[in-house]
């Protein structure tokens, strides 16, 4: 299983890539495999403050809809517009073009509570 060491992970299967005071957030390779083919990504929190562990949107797969939980507190700056026409990018490139939102980090200390790739891998049995 692909778990880039440069990322942080949540127990709810989101990943975080930090660039300055902005976090890119998506779902892990494990999560997208469990969900199956992603057909729609619904994010209605742009320009809104979210707290750590709040739901910031949903992903819809062929057989299920799953909530997305914010691994950090902050303001949702942007939704990946590539997902509008190609939600399957979450499946094919979960850590690259399949990112879901950009978030302005309001409390960087929350990063310390996230999982490393090794710890997340143990959680999901990778």
C-alpha atoms as a PDB file:
ATOM      1  CA  UNK A   1       0.000   0.000   0.000  1.00  0.00           C
ATOM      2  CA  UNK A   2       1.242   3.466  -0.877  1.00  0.00           C
ATOM      3  CA  UNK A   3       1.612   5.626   2.254  1.00  0.00           C
ATOM      4  CA  UNK A   4       3.921   8.570   1.527  1.00  0.00           C
ATOM      5  CA  UNK A   5       6.086   9.306   4.569  1.00  0.00           C
ATOM      6  CA  UNK A   6       5.884  13.057   3.875  1.00  0.00           C
ATOM      7  CA  UNK A   7       2.160  13.115   4.716  1.00  0.00           C
ATOM      8  CA  UNK A   8       0.243  13.007   7.995  1.00  0.00           C
ATOM      9  CA  UNK A   9      -2.843  10.809   8.415  1.00  0.00           C
ATOM     10  CA  UNK A  10      -6.054  10.740  10.445  1.00  0.00           C
ATOM     11  CA  UNK A  11      -7.776   7.730  11.968  1.00  0.00           C
ATOM     12  CA  UNK A  12     -10.738   8.604   9.706  1.00  0.00           C
ATOM     13  CA  UNK A  13      -8.533   7.895   6.621  1.00  0.00           C
ATOM     14  CA  UNK A  14      -7.756  11.422   5.460  1.00  0.00           C
ATOM     15  CA  UNK A  15      -4.239  12.544   4.587  1.00  0.00           C
ATOM     16  CA  UNK A  16      -2.654  15.988   5.018  1.00  0.00           C
ATOM     17  CA  UNK A  17       0.164  17.633   3.060  1.00  0.00           C
ATOM     18  CA  UNK A  18       1.313  20.895   4.633  1.00  0.00           C
ATOM     19  CA  UNK A  19       2.732  23.718   2.516  1.00  0.00           C
ATOM     20  CA  UNK A  20       3.411  26.737   4.722  1.00  0.00           C
ATOM     21  CA  UNK A  21       0.158  27.505   6.560  1.00  0.00           C
ATOM     22  CA  UNK A  22      -1.997  25.656   4.016  1.00  0.00           C
ATOM     23  CA  UNK A  23      -2.976  21.987   4.157  1.00  0.00           C
ATOM     24  CA  UNK A  24      -3.965  19.890   1.168  1.00  0.00           C
ATOM     25  CA  UNK A  25      -6.389  17.187   2.300  1.00  0.00           C
ATOM     26  CA  UNK A  26      -7.614  14.041   0.595  1.00  0.00           C
ATOM     27  CA  UNK A  27      -8.515  10.453   1.388  1.00  0.00           C
ATOM     28  CA  UNK A  28      -5.963   7.677   1.664  1.00  0.00           C
ATOM     29  CA  UNK A  29      -5.350   4.923  -0.837  1.00  0.00           C
ATOM     30  CA  UNK A  30      -6.812   2.518   1.740  1.00  0.00           C
ATOM     31  CA  UNK A  31     -10.030   4.563   2.010  1.00  0.00           C
ATOM     32  CA  UNK A  32     -10.594   4.865  -1.726  1.00  0.00           C
ATOM     33  CA  UNK A  33     -10.062   1.106  -2.160  1.00  0.00           C
ATOM     34  CA  UNK A  34     -12.608   0.398   0.591  1.00  0.00           C
ATOM     35  CA  UNK A  35     -15.143   2.777  -0.987  1.00  0.00           C
ATOM     36  CA  UNK A  36     -14.687   1.580  -4.555  1.00  0.00           C
ATOM     37  CA  UNK A  37     -15.223   3.751  -7.621  1.00  0.00           C
ATOM     38  CA  UNK A  38     -15.756   7.388  -6.600  1.00  0.00           C
ATOM     39  CA  UNK A  39     -18.498   8.966  -8.721  1.00  0.00           C
ATOM     40  CA  UNK A  40     -19.053  12.316  -6.969  1.00  0.00           C
ATOM     41  CA  UNK A  41     -17.361  14.599  -4.448  1.00  0.00           C
ATOM     42  CA  UNK A  42     -19.626  17.057  -2.602  1.00  0.00           C
ATOM     43  CA  UNK A  43     -17.943  19.865  -0.669  1.00  0.00           C
ATOM     44  CA  UNK A  44     -20.186  22.667   0.633  1.00  0.00           C
ATOM     45  CA  UNK A  45     -17.752  24.252   3.109  1.00  0.00           C
ATOM     46  CA  UNK A  46     -15.702  26.604   0.897  1.00  0.00           C
ATOM     47  CA  UNK A  47     -14.921  29.841   2.783  1.00  0.00           C
ATOM     48  CA  UNK A  48     -16.229  28.264   6.000  1.00  0.00           C
ATOM     49  CA  UNK A  49     -14.392  27.536   9.233  1.00  0.00           C
ATOM     50  CA  UNK A  50     -14.239  23.868  10.186  1.00  0.00           C
ATOM     51  CA  UNK A  51     -12.946  22.395  13.421  1.00  0.00           C
ATOM     52  CA  UNK A  52     -10.791  19.320  13.682  1.00  0.00           C
ATOM     53  CA  UNK A  53     -12.937  16.193  13.106  1.00  0.00           C
ATOM     54  CA  UNK A  54     -15.865  18.205  11.637  1.00  0.00           C
ATOM     55  CA  UNK A  55     -17.469  16.904   8.447  1.00  0.00           C
ATOM     56  CA  UNK A  56     -16.365  19.086   5.525  1.00  0.00           C
ATOM     57  CA  UNK A  57     -18.107  17.174   2.718  1.00  0.00           C
ATOM     58  CA  UNK A  58     -18.866  13.743   1.313  1.00  0.00           C
ATOM     59  CA  UNK A  59     -17.595  11.350  -1.309  1.00  0.00           C
ATOM     60  CA  UNK A  60     -20.056   9.212  -3.183  1.00  0.00           C
ATOM     61  CA  UNK A  61     -19.044   5.837  -4.502  1.00  0.00           C
ATOM     62  CA  UNK A  62     -21.141   3.450  -6.572  1.00  0.00           C
ATOM     63  CA  UNK A  63     -22.602   1.738  -3.477  1.00  0.00           C
ATOM     64  CA  UNK A  64     -22.169   4.216  -0.612  1.00  0.00           C
ATOM     65  CA  UNK A  65     -21.743   7.806   0.535  1.00  0.00           C
ATOM     66  CA  UNK A  66     -19.047   8.572   3.088  1.00  0.00           C
ATOM     67  CA  UNK A  67     -18.476  11.683   5.200  1.00  0.00           C
ATOM     68  CA  UNK A  68     -15.135  13.462   4.999  1.00  0.00           C
ATOM     69  CA  UNK A  69     -13.695  14.577   8.350  1.00  0.00           C
ATOM     70  CA  UNK A  70     -11.283  17.478   8.620  1.00  0.00           C
ATOM     71  CA  UNK A  71      -8.012  16.353  10.208  1.00  0.00           C
ATOM     72  CA  UNK A  72      -7.277  19.986  11.172  1.00  0.00           C
ATOM     73  CA  UNK A  73      -9.104  23.165  12.161  1.00  0.00           C
ATOM     74  CA  UNK A  74      -9.135  26.014   9.669  1.00  0.00           C
ATOM     75  CA  UNK A  75     -10.905  27.692   6.776  1.00  0.00           C
ATOM     76  CA  UNK A  76     -11.662  25.747   3.586  1.00  0.00           C
ATOM     77  CA  UNK A  77      -9.953  27.810   0.881  1.00  0.00           C
ATOM     78  CA  UNK A  78     -10.582  25.773  -2.224  1.00  0.00           C
ATOM     79  CA  UNK A  79     -12.030  22.566  -3.635  1.00  0.00           C
ATOM     80  CA  UNK A  80     -10.044  20.696  -6.263  1.00  0.00           C
ATOM     81  CA  UNK A  81     -11.963  21.727  -9.401  1.00  0.00           C
ATOM     82  CA  UNK A  82     -10.521  18.769 -11.341  1.00  0.00           C
ATOM     83  CA  UNK A  83     -12.871  16.544  -9.330  1.00  0.00           C
ATOM     84  CA  UNK A  84     -15.960  18.164 -10.885  1.00  0.00           C
ATOM     85  CA  UNK A  85     -15.405  16.394 -14.188  1.00  0.00           C
ATOM     86  CA  UNK A  86     -13.151  13.599 -12.953  1.00  0.00           C
ATOM     87  CA  UNK A  87     -14.051  12.369  -9.452  1.00  0.00           C
ATOM     88  CA  UNK A  88     -12.225   9.130 -10.288  1.00  0.00           C
ATOM     89  CA  UNK A  89      -8.936  11.014  -9.676  1.00  0.00           C
ATOM     90  CA  UNK A  90      -9.558  10.242  -5.986  1.00  0.00           C
ATOM     91  CA  UNK A  91      -9.156   6.573  -6.957  1.00  0.00           C
ATOM     92  CA  UNK A  92      -6.368   6.814  -9.524  1.00  0.00           C
ATOM     93  CA  UNK A  93      -4.168   9.433  -7.818  1.00  0.00           C
ATOM     94  CA  UNK A  94      -5.304   9.875  -4.185  1.00  0.00           C
ATOM     95  CA  UNK A  95      -2.107  11.646  -3.058  1.00  0.00           C
ATOM     96  CA  UNK A  96      -1.644  13.795  -6.169  1.00  0.00           C
ATOM     97  CA  UNK A  97      -4.332  15.124  -8.515  1.00  0.00           C
ATOM     98  CA  UNK A  98      -6.996  13.489  -6.320  1.00  0.00           C
ATOM     99  CA  UNK A  99      -6.597  15.948  -3.416  1.00  0.00           C
ATOM    100  CA  UNK A 100      -9.978  17.215  -2.245  1.00  0.00           C
ATOM    101  CA  UNK A 101      -9.599  20.550  -0.410  1.00  0.00           C
ATOM    102  CA  UNK A 102      -7.071  23.205   0.542  1.00  0.00           C
ATOM    103  CA  UNK A 103      -7.416  24.423   4.120  1.00  0.00           C
ATOM    104  CA  UNK A 104      -5.893  27.439   5.870  1.00  0.00           C
ATOM    105  CA  UNK A 105      -4.507  25.951   9.095  1.00  0.00           C
ATOM    106  CA  UNK A 106      -5.692  27.783  12.218  1.00  0.00           C
ATOM    107  CA  UNK A 107      -3.952  25.599  14.834  1.00  0.00           C
ATOM    108  CA  UNK A 108      -0.680  24.043  13.674  1.00  0.00           C
ATOM    109  CA  UNK A 109      -0.300  22.195  16.990  1.00  0.00           C
ATOM    110  CA  UNK A 110      -3.075  19.812  15.818  1.00  0.00           C
ATOM    111  CA  UNK A 111      -0.571  18.349  13.336  1.00  0.00           C
ATOM    112  CA  UNK A 112       1.224  16.709  16.259  1.00  0.00           C
ATOM    113  CA  UNK A 113      -1.842  14.561  16.973  1.00  0.00           C
ATOM    114  CA  UNK A 114      -2.007  13.123  13.455  1.00  0.00           C
ATOM    115  CA  UNK A 115      -0.528   9.774  12.498  1.00  0.00           C
ATOM    116  CA  UNK A 116       2.720   9.080  10.662  1.00  0.00           C
ATOM    117  CA  UNK A 117       2.644   6.828   7.601  1.00  0.00           C
ATOM    118  CA  UNK A 118       4.020   4.007   9.739  1.00  0.00           C
ATOM    119  CA  UNK A 119       1.386   4.415  12.476  1.00  0.00           C
ATOM    120  CA  UNK A 120      -1.425   4.738   9.933  1.00  0.00           C
ATOM    121  CA  UNK A 121      -0.165   1.643   8.145  1.00  0.00           C
ATOM    122  CA  UNK A 122      -0.356  -0.302  11.419  1.00  0.00           C
ATOM    123  CA  UNK A 123      -3.913   0.982  11.958  1.00  0.00           C
ATOM    124  CA  UNK A 124      -5.120  -0.328   8.585  1.00  0.00           C
ATOM    125  CA  UNK A 125      -2.979  -3.460   8.601  1.00  0.00           C
ATOM    126  CA  UNK A 126      -0.703  -2.408   5.741  1.00  0.00           C
END
